[in-house]
């Protein structure tokens, strides 16, 4: 197990977490938008 492979694995995991966080935040933003406009 070389160091660079481990680094790439952690980077891809971080990117996945960021994508999920953005998705959840946009879902909550849409929910708040519909609640406020109604």
Foldseek 3Di string as FASTA:
>chain_A
DDDVVVVVVVVVVVVVVVVVVVVVVVVVVVVVVVVVVD
